[in-house]
Every structure is written in structure tokens, then in C-alpha cells.
C-alpha atoms as a PDB file:
ATOM      1  CA  UNK A   1      97.056 102.425  94.899  1.00  0.00           C
ATOM      2  CA  UNK A   2      98.764 103.848  97.824  1.00  0.00           C
ATOM      3  CA  UNK A   3     100.672 101.917 100.360  1.00  0.00           C
ATOM      4  CA  UNK A   4     101.414 102.335 104.130  1.00  0.00           C
ATOM      5  CA  UNK A   5     104.421 101.455 104.739  1.00  0.00           C
ATOM      6  CA  UNK A   6     106.327 102.295 108.535  1.00  0.00           C
ATOM      7  CA  UNK A   7     108.905 101.324 109.877  1.00  0.00           C
ATOM      8  CA  UNK A   8     109.913  99.907 113.690  1.00  0.00           C
ATOM      9  CA  UNK A   9     113.211  99.701 115.452  1.00  0.00           C
ATOM     10  CA  UNK A  10     114.172  97.862 118.377  1.00  0.00           C
ATOM     11  CA  UNK A  11     115.078 100.029 121.154  1.00  0.00           C
ATOM     12  CA  UNK A  12     115.968  98.352 124.129  1.00  0.00           C
ATOM     13  CA  UNK A  13     113.941  95.376 126.462  1.00  0.00           C
ATOM     14  CA  UNK A  14     110.794  94.647 124.087  1.00  0.00           C
ATOM     15  CA  UNK A  15     110.336  97.673 123.469  1.00  0.00           C
ATOM     16  CA  UNK A  16     110.590  98.833 119.439  1.00  0.00           C
ATOM     17  CA  UNK A  17     110.522 102.007 118.342  1.00  0.00           C
ATOM     18  CA  UNK A  18     107.873 102.708 115.158  1.00  0.00           C
ATOM     19  CA  UNK A  19     107.955 105.905 112.096  1.00  0.00           C
ATOM     20  CA  UNK A  20     104.651 105.929 111.552  1.00  0.00           C
ATOM     21  CA  UNK A  21     105.259 109.218 108.686  1.00  0.00           C
ATOM     22  CA  UNK A  22     107.215 112.069 110.536  1.00  0.00           C
ATOM     23  CA  UNK A  23     105.660 110.971 114.009  1.00  0.00           C
ATOM     24  CA  UNK A  24     107.362 108.088 116.455  1.00  0.00           C
ATOM     25  CA  UNK A  25     105.233 105.666 118.480  1.00  0.00           C
ATOM     26  CA  UNK A  26     106.840 103.893 121.662  1.00  0.00           C
ATOM     27  CA  UNK A  27     105.439  99.945 121.271  1.00  0.00           C
ATOM     28  CA  UNK A  28     106.247  97.468 123.905  1.00  0.00           C
ATOM     29  CA  UNK A  29     104.668  94.428 125.665  1.00  0.00           C
ATOM     30  CA  UNK A  30     102.986  95.677 128.761  1.00  0.00           C
ATOM     31  CA  UNK A  31     102.057  92.585 130.053  1.00  0.00           C
ATOM     32  CA  UNK A  32     105.665  91.304 130.073  1.00  0.00           C
ATOM     33  CA  UNK A  33     107.194  93.863 130.154  1.00  0.00           C
ATOM     34  CA  UNK A  34     109.186  95.597 132.976  1.00  0.00           C
ATOM     35  CA  UNK A  35     109.793  98.759 131.664  1.00  0.00           C
ATOM     36  CA  UNK A  36     106.549  99.804 129.622  1.00  0.00           C
ATOM     37  CA  UNK A  37     107.583 101.621 127.681  1.00  0.00           C
ATOM     38  CA  UNK A  38     104.544 102.058 126.144  1.00  0.00           C
ATOM     39  CA  UNK A  39     101.297 100.554 124.574  1.00  0.00           C
ATOM     40  CA  UNK A  40     100.986  97.091 124.066  1.00  0.00           C
ATOM     41  CA  UNK A  41     100.150  96.472 119.755  1.00  0.00           C
ATOM     42  CA  UNK A  42      97.032  94.660 119.917  1.00  0.00           C
ATOM     43  CA  UNK A  43      96.094  97.829 121.424  1.00  0.00           C
ATOM     44  CA  UNK A  44      97.346 100.206 119.103  1.00  0.00           C
ATOM     45  CA  UNK A  45      94.944  98.310 116.857  1.00  0.00           C
ATOM     46  CA  UNK A  46      91.854  98.826 119.242  1.00  0.00           C
ATOM     47  CA  UNK A  47      92.971 102.801 119.024  1.00  0.00           C
ATOM     48  CA  UNK A  48      93.727 102.861 115.660  1.00  0.00           C
ATOM     49  CA  UNK A  49      89.268 101.547 115.596  1.00  0.00           C
ATOM     50  CA  UNK A  50      88.592 104.403 117.876  1.00  0.00           C
ATOM     51  CA  UNK A  51      90.680 107.439 115.972  1.00  0.00           C
ATOM     52  CA  UNK A  52      89.398 105.595 112.099  1.00  0.00           C
ATOM     53  CA  UNK A  53      85.781 105.852 113.029  1.00  0.00           C
ATOM     54  CA  UNK A  54      86.253 109.136 115.389  1.00  0.00           C
ATOM     55  CA  UNK A  55      87.577 111.106 111.491  1.00  0.00           C
ATOM     56  CA  UNK A  56      84.606 109.239 109.910  1.00  0.00           C
ATOM     57  CA  UNK A  57      81.776 110.772 112.367  1.00  0.00           C
ATOM     58  CA  UNK A  58      83.544 113.786 113.086  1.00  0.00           C
ATOM     59  CA  UNK A  59      83.512 114.799 109.109  1.00  0.00           C
ATOM     60  CA  UNK A  60      80.480 113.482 108.472  1.00  0.00           C
ATOM     61  CA  UNK A  61      78.334 115.567 111.473  1.00  0.00           C
ATOM     62  CA  UNK A  62      79.832 118.861 110.085  1.00  0.00           C
ATOM     63  CA  UNK A  63      78.869 117.772 106.494  1.00  0.00           C
ATOM     64  CA  UNK A  64      75.441 116.857 107.910  1.00  0.00           C
ATOM     65  CA  UNK A  65      76.169 120.934 109.967  1.00  0.00           C
ATOM     66  CA  UNK A  66      75.573 119.055 113.120  1.00  0.00           C
ATOM     67  CA  UNK A  67      77.423 120.724 116.821  1.00  0.00           C
ATOM     68  CA  UNK A  68      77.882 118.483 119.399  1.00  0.00           C
ATOM     69  CA  UNK A  69      80.558 119.131 122.279  1.00  0.00           C
ATOM     70  CA  UNK A  70      82.483 116.077 124.308  1.00  0.00           C
ATOM     71  CA  UNK A  71      82.768 113.352 121.920  1.00  0.00           C
ATOM     72  CA  UNK A  72      84.413 110.542 123.326  1.00  0.00           C
ATOM     73  CA  UNK A  73      84.716 106.693 121.872  1.00  0.00           C
ATOM     74  CA  UNK A  74      85.842 103.276 124.260  1.00  0.00           C
ATOM     75  CA  UNK A  75      86.404 100.277 122.330  1.00  0.00           C
ATOM     76  CA  UNK A  76      86.996  97.057 125.084  1.00  0.00           C
ATOM     77  CA  UNK A  77      87.387  93.831 123.182  1.00  0.00           C
ATOM     78  CA  UNK A  78      88.118  90.484 124.678  1.00  0.00           C
ATOM     79  CA  UNK A  79      90.758  88.292 123.271  1.00  0.00           C
ATOM     80  CA  UNK A  80      90.518  84.097 122.487  1.00  0.00           C
ATOM     81  CA  UNK A  81      92.145  81.561 124.750  1.00  0.00           C
ATOM     82  CA  UNK A  82      94.404  79.745 122.342  1.00  0.00           C
ATOM     83  CA  UNK A  83      96.945  80.949 120.734  1.00  0.00           C
ATOM     84  CA  UNK A  84      98.036  83.535 119.119  1.00  0.00           C
ATOM     85  CA  UNK A  85      94.994  85.624 120.929  1.00  0.00           C
ATOM     86  CA  UNK A  86      92.768  87.714 118.454  1.00  0.00           C
ATOM     87  CA  UNK A  87      90.342  90.575 119.514  1.00  0.00           C
ATOM     88  CA  UNK A  88      87.053  88.177 118.781  1.00  0.00           C
ATOM     89  CA  UNK A  89      84.178  90.477 120.742  1.00  0.00           C
ATOM     90  CA  UNK A  90      84.591  94.658 120.091  1.00  0.00           C
ATOM     91  CA  UNK A  91      82.543  96.990 121.895  1.00  0.00           C
ATOM     92  CA  UNK A  92      82.607 100.202 119.978  1.00  0.00           C
ATOM     93  CA  UNK A  93      81.123 102.561 122.476  1.00  0.00           C
ATOM     94  CA  UNK A  94      80.732 106.458 121.938  1.00  0.00           C
ATOM     95  CA  UNK A  95      79.503 109.090 124.155  1.00  0.00           C
ATOM     96  CA  UNK A  96      78.441 112.243 122.704  1.00  0.00           C
ATOM     97  CA  UNK A  97      76.614 115.525 124.061  1.00  0.00           C
ATOM     98  CA  UNK A  98      74.433 115.831 120.950  1.00  0.00           C
ATOM     99  CA  UNK A  99      70.885 118.136 120.384  1.00  0.00           C
ATOM    100  CA  UNK A 100      67.923 115.511 120.832  1.00  0.00           C
ATOM    101  CA  UNK A 101      67.459 116.086 117.131  1.00  0.00           C
ATOM    102  CA  UNK A 102      69.875 115.154 115.797  1.00  0.00           C
ATOM    103  CA  UNK A 103      69.895 111.944 117.004  1.00  0.00           C
ATOM    104  CA  UNK A 104      69.177 110.348 114.601  1.00  0.00           C
ATOM    105  CA  UNK A 105      71.452 111.902 112.208  1.00  0.00           C
ATOM    106  CA  UNK A 106      74.527 111.018 114.749  1.00  0.00           C
ATOM    107  CA  UNK A 107      72.878 107.387 114.580  1.00  0.00           C
ATOM    108  CA  UNK A 108      73.306 107.740 110.207  1.00  0.00           C
ATOM    109  CA  UNK A 109      76.990 108.306 111.000  1.00  0.00           C
ATOM    110  CA  UNK A 110      77.987 106.145 112.929  1.00  0.00           C
ATOM    111  CA  UNK A 111      76.362 103.474 110.716  1.00  0.00           C
ATOM    112  CA  UNK A 112      78.566 105.058 107.376  1.00  0.00           C
ATOM    113  CA  UNK A 113      80.924 104.672 109.294  1.00  0.00           C
ATOM    114  CA  UNK A 114      80.789 100.940 110.959  1.00  0.00           C
ATOM    115  CA  UNK A 115      79.094 100.097 107.224  1.00  0.00           C
ATOM    116  CA  UNK A 116      81.040 101.991 104.484  1.00  0.00           C
ATOM    117  CA  UNK A 117      84.032 104.917 105.135  1.00  0.00           C
ATOM    118  CA  UNK A 118      86.055 103.212 108.103  1.00  0.00           C
ATOM    119  CA  UNK A 119      88.547 100.552 106.334  1.00  0.00           C
ATOM    120  CA  UNK A 120      89.743  99.786 110.042  1.00  0.00           C
ATOM    121  CA  UNK A 121      86.304  98.294 110.911  1.00  0.00           C
ATOM    122  CA  UNK A 122      86.204  97.151 107.795  1.00  0.00           C
ATOM    123  CA  UNK A 123      89.137  94.726 109.221  1.00  0.00           C
ATOM    124  CA  UNK A 124      88.190  94.161 111.795  1.00  0.00           C
ATOM    125  CA  UNK A 125      85.005  92.544 110.538  1.00  0.00           C
ATOM    126  CA  UNK A 126      87.173  89.406 109.499  1.00  0.00           C
ATOM    127  CA  UNK A 127      88.196  88.599 112.469  1.00  0.00           C
ATOM    128  CA  UNK A 128      85.887  90.054 115.468  1.00  0.00           C
ATOM    129  CA  UNK A 129      82.388  90.146 115.904  1.00  0.00           C
ATOM    130  CA  UNK A 130      81.473  94.396 116.835  1.00  0.00           C
ATOM    131  CA  UNK A 131      79.312  95.957 118.481  1.00  0.00           C
ATOM    132  CA  UNK A 132      78.173  99.990 118.088  1.00  0.00           C
ATOM    133  CA  UNK A 133      76.787 100.948 121.283  1.00  0.00           C
ATOM    134  CA  UNK A 134      75.572 104.922 121.251  1.00  0.00           C
ATOM    135  CA  UNK A 135      75.007 106.980 124.909  1.00  0.00           C
ATOM    136  CA  UNK A 136      73.892 110.398 124.682  1.00  0.00           C
ATOM    137  CA  UNK A 137      75.359 112.452 127.637  1.00  0.00           C
END
């Protein structure tokens, strides 16, 4: 079984420096901190979702030998009103330039990521409603 471990060290104000493997990342409470030294932990969750599904989709498209350019993923989420505020709806939007004949392969890659491979997506599904969209450029 694979276990993950990170550390988070208090820096200043409301910021923490997290060490993830050999990488450092500063987090801050951007909504209430005057320093704004880094993104908020909640927004990092959205980045993790974009990164996870993006890695899956690129890997799958490469295995299918599909050429593409200009792949961008945006994630927008709405929070609940009550505390603790959690994400209730999340919109994942892919934008990609791809040959029209390869669009069904892109749709399959996104579906495989969403339904089978992306662990971050699976975690989000336990507390939020996810919407997935592909916009072809």
C-alpha cells in the first residue's frame, strides 16, 4: 500500500510552508490574510483535481497516439453557505485543439479519467457534484 506524507511548517501571519517530496509550497488564507503569500488550501484542492485529470488525459491521448495542442483545464467551484464551507458543485472544463476525427478519443480519455483513474476526482465525488465539459478550439 502506498502512503503519502507531507509536512506543513508555520511561516508567518497565516501562512504555512508545505514540503511535498522535495518541493516546497507556501499556503496562505488569501481571503483573510493581508500578506497573500500563497494560494489557499481549498484552492489547492482544485489545482490537484486539474492536475490529476490532466495527467490522466494526456497519458491516455498519448497511448491512443492522438496529437493535440493548447490543452487547458479550468476548475470552478461553489462553496456551501454553512461552516465548515466545502465545495458543493465543481465544474471541470477542458479546452483543447484536436483533430475533429479525434474528438471521440478525447471524450473517452476524459471519461476514463473521471470514472476510473483520477483518485482526486473520486475523492471530490464523495462530497460534491462534478460537471465535466470539453470545449474544442
